[in-house]
Amino acid sequence: MKKLWAPWRFKFILHVDKGECIFCTKPKEEDEKAYILYRGKHNFVILNIFPYNSGHLMIAPYSHKASPELLMRRNIRRCLSFCRFQ
């Protein structure tokens, strides 16, 4: 398998704060500063500021769990519903 190299991510790798969870801290910030594009009742949409490709979005629930499998089914459905084009 070839390694994916995205040199623009090097800044992130060098300066990552391993004690901070972006899914906990970013929703507390102002949308523009945190790159949050949309806030729903249970989920938010955020731009990845160090993407592998342009326009990479992340849809994240406000409910913080260690793994998606630990989310309640209704939260998973709500998160997946954000993926639909409307």
Protein backbone atom coordinates (compact mmCIF):
# COMPACT_ATOMS: atom_id res chain seq x y z
CA MET A 1 0.00 0.00 0.00
CA LYS A 2 1.29 3.45 -0.91
CA LYS A 3 1.44 6.11 1.76
CA LEU A 4 -0.76 9.16 1.36
CA TRP A 5 1.29 12.32 1.74
CA ALA A 6 -0.38 15.66 2.22
CA PRO A 7 2.39 18.17 3.03
CA TRP A 8 -0.06 20.90 4.09
CA ARG A 9 -1.03 18.67 7.05
CA PHE A 10 2.49 18.78 8.50
CA LYS A 11 1.66 21.95 10.46
CA PHE A 12 -1.19 20.06 12.13
CA ILE A 13 0.99 17.05 12.94
CA LEU A 14 3.62 19.24 14.61
CA HIS A 15 1.20 21.36 16.64
CA VAL A 16 -1.63 19.03 17.56
CA ASP A 17 -2.84 19.35 21.16
CA LYS A 18 -3.42 15.76 22.21
CA GLY A 19 -5.35 16.87 25.29
CA GLU A 20 -7.98 18.69 23.24
CA CYS A 21 -10.97 17.13 21.50
CA ILE A 22 -12.18 19.26 18.60
CA PHE A 23 -15.62 17.70 18.84
CA CYS A 24 -15.93 19.03 22.39
CA THR A 25 -14.20 22.41 22.04
CA LYS A 26 -15.22 23.63 18.58
CA PRO A 27 -19.00 23.74 19.22
CA LYS A 28 -18.29 26.15 22.10
CA GLU A 29 -16.56 28.61 19.74
CA GLU A 30 -18.07 31.08 17.28
CA ASP A 31 -19.03 29.42 13.99
CA GLU A 32 -16.67 31.40 11.76
CA LYS A 33 -13.67 30.90 14.05
CA ALA A 34 -14.39 27.18 14.44
CA TYR A 35 -15.21 26.63 10.73
CA ILE A 36 -18.68 25.39 11.63
CA LEU A 37 -20.94 25.60 8.59
CA TYR A 38 -24.19 24.43 10.15
CA ARG A 39 -25.58 23.65 13.59
CA GLY A 40 -28.50 21.31 13.99
CA LYS A 41 -30.25 20.26 17.16
CA HIS A 42 -28.12 17.11 17.60
CA ASN A 43 -25.27 17.47 15.06
CA PHE A 44 -23.02 20.07 13.50
CA VAL A 45 -21.13 20.32 10.20
CA ILE A 46 -17.53 21.49 10.35
CA LEU A 47 -14.80 22.01 7.74
CA ASN A 48 -11.62 20.03 8.15
CA ILE A 49 -8.91 22.72 8.19
CA PHE A 50 -6.19 20.19 7.29
CA PRO A 51 -7.98 18.08 4.64
CA TYR A 52 -6.55 15.42 2.36
CA ASN A 53 -8.74 16.87 -0.38
CA SER A 54 -10.51 20.20 -0.80
CA GLY A 55 -13.95 20.69 0.67
CA HIS A 56 -13.69 17.90 3.23
CA LEU A 57 -16.58 18.20 5.69
CA MET A 58 -17.19 16.39 8.94
CA ILE A 59 -20.63 15.75 10.38
CA ALA A 60 -20.39 15.24 14.12
CA PRO A 61 -22.91 14.68 16.88
CA TYR A 62 -22.84 16.89 19.96
CA SER A 63 -23.08 13.70 22.00
CA HIS A 64 -19.46 12.69 22.50
CA LYS A 65 -18.78 8.96 22.45
CA ALA A 66 -15.55 7.02 21.98
CA SER A 67 -16.99 5.17 18.98
CA PRO A 68 -19.95 5.72 16.63
CA GLU A 69 -21.36 2.35 17.69
CA LEU A 70 -21.96 3.81 21.16
CA LEU A 71 -24.32 6.49 19.86
CA MET A 72 -28.04 5.95 20.26
CA ARG A 73 -29.68 4.77 17.02
CA ARG A 74 -31.69 7.98 16.68
CA ASN A 75 -28.46 10.03 16.87
CA ILE A 76 -26.89 7.87 14.16
CA ARG A 77 -29.96 8.36 11.94
CA ARG A 78 -29.87 12.12 12.50
CA CYS A 79 -26.18 12.25 11.70
CA LEU A 80 -26.64 10.20 8.52
CA SER A 81 -29.58 12.36 7.45
CA PHE A 82 -27.15 15.29 7.17
CA CYS A 83 -25.41 13.39 4.35
CA ARG A 84 -28.42 13.60 2.04
CA PHE A 85 -28.58 16.30 -0.60
CA GLN A 86 -31.66 18.44 -0.19
